[in-house]
Amino acid sequence: MIVSDGERREAAMLARTVRVGRWAGAVALVVSLAACGGGGSGDGDDAAPSLEEWVEQADAICAETGAELERVETPAFLDDPGFDPEAATEEELAQLADAYEAAFAVQRRDLEELRDLTPPEDEADAVDAMLDDVEAGLDGYDRAVELLREGDASGYGAALVEAAGHFDEAARAASDLGLEVCGTG
């Protein structure tokens, strides 16, 4: 894939702003959206909740996810506003990959938990589409981690940019659904 200088700068900026504990930039969307799912089979209750009830349930899980993510260890070099992943050492790239993996494990677990929430009947398609975008974004971030492990900081940046598009779509959907914690970054 050919990546423009603008995309490289954007990816570098995203990488510099990533703070696993604070989730600035595109990663903020991961934190808040990874728990904004629905479309699952529910807990055996045949009645779909109202939109307001579903929002309350989803936002509660998003809040728990955010609190757990605050406890994920962050490499100290991410506090440096001048951090450039393309100039990072192999050790720094590995530490960054470890931080991502720890966060994504939390997010995927909670995403699956929230897949089990039964969405409001009239909003099931919108919830499922939002969930699909979140999952596609997480898949893109998994690819970014693979690239970090391979020492490909440039490819990592491009993968972040691509994944961010999925999270942008999911954030719009979260807002449209009325989520107050999920999707707010």
Protein backbone atom coordinates (compact mmCIF):
# COMPACT_ATOMS: atom_id res chain seq x y z
CA MET A 1 0.00 0.00 0.00
CA ILE A 2 1.30 3.45 -0.89
CA VAL A 3 0.99 5.91 1.97
CA SER A 4 1.11 9.64 1.35
CA ASP A 5 3.25 12.00 3.41
CA GLY A 6 0.03 13.40 4.91
CA GLU A 7 -1.06 9.93 6.00
CA ARG A 8 2.39 9.30 7.48
CA ARG A 9 2.19 12.57 9.42
CA GLU A 10 -1.31 11.73 10.62
CA ALA A 11 -0.21 8.25 11.70
CA ALA A 12 2.82 9.68 13.48
CA MET A 13 0.59 12.20 15.23
CA LEU A 14 -1.81 9.42 16.27
CA ALA A 15 1.07 7.35 17.55
CA ARG A 16 2.45 10.26 19.56
CA THR A 17 -0.92 10.96 21.15
CA VAL A 18 -1.63 7.35 22.06
CA ARG A 19 -1.77 6.98 25.78
CA VAL A 20 -3.18 3.66 26.74
CA GLY A 21 -4.40 5.10 30.06
CA ARG A 22 -5.93 8.28 28.63
CA TRP A 23 -6.77 7.14 25.09
CA ALA A 24 -6.19 10.32 23.16
CA GLY A 25 -6.68 10.48 19.42
CA ALA A 26 -8.03 7.50 17.53
CA VAL A 27 -7.40 5.11 20.40
CA ALA A 28 -9.95 7.07 22.44
CA LEU A 29 -12.54 5.76 20.07
CA VAL A 30 -11.39 2.22 20.65
CA VAL A 31 -11.82 2.60 24.37
CA SER A 32 -15.23 4.09 24.24
CA LEU A 33 -16.58 2.13 21.31
CA ALA A 34 -15.27 -1.32 21.97
CA ALA A 35 -18.04 -1.70 24.51
CA CYS A 36 -20.81 -0.22 22.38
CA GLY A 37 -22.11 -3.36 20.84
CA GLY A 38 -25.35 -5.15 20.67
CA GLY A 39 -27.10 -7.53 18.43
CA GLY A 40 -26.50 -10.58 20.56
CA SER A 41 -28.99 -13.09 21.75
CA GLY A 42 -29.45 -11.47 25.15
CA ASP A 43 -29.69 -13.20 28.47
CA GLY A 44 -32.64 -15.34 27.58
CA ASP A 45 -35.21 -12.56 28.00
CA ASP A 46 -37.30 -12.50 24.83
CA ALA A 47 -38.35 -8.87 25.21
CA ALA A 48 -36.06 -6.35 23.58
CA PRO A 49 -35.26 -3.39 25.81
CA SER A 50 -36.24 0.15 24.96
CA LEU A 51 -33.54 2.31 23.42
CA GLU A 52 -33.14 4.14 26.72
CA GLU A 53 -32.68 0.87 28.63
CA TRP A 54 -30.15 -0.42 26.10
CA VAL A 55 -28.19 2.84 26.17
CA GLU A 56 -28.04 2.65 29.96
CA GLN A 57 -26.76 -0.94 29.85
CA ALA A 58 -24.20 -0.27 27.11
CA ASP A 59 -22.95 2.95 28.69
CA ALA A 60 -22.50 1.16 32.04
CA ILE A 61 -20.28 -1.42 30.39
CA CYS A 62 -18.37 1.28 28.51
CA ALA A 63 -17.70 3.03 31.82
CA GLU A 64 -16.37 -0.21 33.32
CA THR A 65 -14.20 -0.74 30.24
CA GLY A 66 -12.78 2.76 30.51
CA ALA A 67 -11.94 2.26 34.17
CA GLU A 68 -10.19 -1.03 33.45
CA LEU A 69 -8.25 0.50 30.57
CA GLU A 70 -7.02 3.27 32.86
CA ARG A 71 -5.08 0.56 34.69
CA VAL A 72 -3.25 -0.70 31.59
CA GLU A 73 0.51 -0.02 31.82
CA THR A 74 1.69 2.67 29.42
CA PRO A 75 5.29 2.90 28.19
CA ALA A 76 6.85 6.07 29.62
CA PHE A 77 8.09 7.21 26.23
CA LEU A 78 4.50 7.82 25.14
CA ASP A 79 4.47 10.81 27.50
CA ASP A 80 7.08 12.43 25.25
CA PRO A 81 5.25 14.64 22.71
CA GLY A 82 8.23 14.17 20.39
CA PHE A 83 7.93 10.38 20.27
CA ASP A 84 8.12 9.23 16.66
CA PRO A 85 7.39 5.53 16.04
CA GLU A 86 9.44 5.62 12.85
CA ALA A 87 12.51 6.53 14.92
CA ALA A 88 11.68 4.13 17.77
CA THR A 89 13.94 1.33 18.86
CA GLU A 90 12.88 -2.29 18.53
CA GLU A 91 12.40 -2.35 22.30
CA GLU A 92 10.08 0.68 22.17
CA LEU A 93 8.07 -0.85 19.34
CA ALA A 94 7.73 -4.06 21.36
CA GLN A 95 6.61 -2.09 24.45
CA LEU A 96 4.05 -0.23 22.35
CA ALA A 97 2.78 -3.51 20.91
CA ASP A 98 2.51 -4.98 24.43
CA ALA A 99 0.46 -1.98 25.60
CA TYR A 100 -1.87 -2.26 22.63
CA GLU A 101 -2.33 -6.00 23.16
CA ALA A 102 -3.18 -5.53 26.84
CA ALA A 103 -5.77 -2.89 26.00
CA PHE A 104 -7.25 -4.78 23.09
CA ALA A 105 -7.71 -7.90 25.24
CA VAL A 106 -9.90 -5.85 27.58
CA GLN A 107 -11.78 -4.28 24.70
CA ARG A 108 -12.44 -7.52 22.84
CA ARG A 109 -13.65 -9.23 26.01
CA ASP A 110 -16.04 -6.42 26.79
CA LEU A 111 -17.14 -6.15 23.15
CA GLU A 112 -18.14 -9.80 23.27
CA GLU A 113 -19.92 -9.25 26.59
CA LEU A 114 -21.93 -6.46 25.02
CA ARG A 115 -22.70 -8.47 21.93
CA ASP A 116 -24.86 -10.44 24.33
CA LEU A 117 -27.01 -7.39 25.04
CA THR A 118 -30.25 -7.53 23.12
CA PRO A 119 -30.56 -4.28 21.17
CA PRO A 120 -33.80 -2.34 20.89
CA GLU A 121 -35.87 -3.95 18.16
CA ASP A 122 -36.07 -0.80 16.00
CA GLU A 123 -32.32 -0.13 16.31
CA ALA A 124 -30.91 -3.65 15.90
CA ASP A 125 -29.51 -2.97 12.41
CA ALA A 126 -27.88 0.29 13.51
CA VAL A 127 -26.36 -1.37 16.58
CA ASP A 128 -25.05 -4.27 14.50
CA ALA A 129 -23.52 -1.91 11.92
CA MET A 130 -21.84 0.09 14.68
CA LEU A 131 -20.53 -3.10 16.25
CA ASP A 132 -19.19 -4.25 12.89
CA ASP A 133 -17.29 -0.98 12.51
CA VAL A 134 -15.81 -1.30 16.00
CA GLU A 135 -14.71 -4.85 15.27
CA ALA A 136 -13.20 -3.84 11.93
CA GLY A 137 -11.29 -1.08 13.70
CA LEU A 138 -10.01 -3.49 16.33
CA ASP A 139 -8.96 -5.88 13.57
CA GLY A 140 -7.05 -3.01 11.99
CA TYR A 141 -5.35 -2.26 15.27
CA ASP A 142 -4.44 -5.94 15.61
CA ARG A 143 -2.75 -5.60 12.22
CA ALA A 144 -0.94 -2.50 13.49
CA VAL A 145 0.38 -4.55 16.41
CA GLU A 146 1.61 -7.24 14.02
CA LEU A 147 3.45 -4.58 12.05
CA LEU A 148 5.02 -3.20 15.24
CA ARG A 149 6.22 -6.68 16.12
CA GLU A 150 7.77 -6.92 12.64
CA GLY A 151 9.50 -3.57 13.18
CA ASP A 152 7.47 -1.85 10.47
CA ALA A 153 6.64 1.49 12.11
CA SER A 154 5.58 3.02 8.78
CA GLY A 155 3.11 0.20 8.11
CA TYR A 156 1.90 0.49 11.68
CA GLY A 157 1.04 4.14 11.09
CA ALA A 158 -0.84 3.35 7.91
CA ALA A 159 -2.80 0.60 9.71
CA LEU A 160 -3.78 3.10 12.43
CA VAL A 161 -5.07 5.55 9.85
CA GLU A 162 -7.13 2.87 8.13
CA ALA A 163 -8.57 1.57 11.42
CA ALA A 164 -9.47 5.11 12.50
CA GLY A 165 -11.96 5.33 9.63
CA HIS A 166 -13.95 2.46 11.11
CA PHE A 167 -13.97 4.12 14.52
CA ASP A 168 -15.13 7.41 12.99
CA GLU A 169 -18.13 5.59 11.53
CA ALA A 170 -18.83 3.85 14.83
CA ALA A 171 -18.62 7.16 16.73
CA ARG A 172 -21.23 8.70 14.46
CA ALA A 173 -23.49 5.70 14.98
CA ALA A 174 -22.99 5.82 18.77
CA SER A 175 -23.99 9.47 18.79
CA ASP A 176 -27.03 8.77 16.62
CA LEU A 177 -28.12 6.05 19.05
CA GLY A 178 -27.83 8.41 22.01
CA LEU A 179 -24.93 6.74 23.76
CA GLU A 180 -23.41 9.09 26.30
CA VAL A 181 -20.33 7.17 27.49
CA CYS A 182 -19.70 4.89 24.56
CA GLY A 183 -18.24 6.67 21.58
CA THR A 184 -17.34 9.88 23.35
CA GLY A 185 -13.57 9.30 23.43
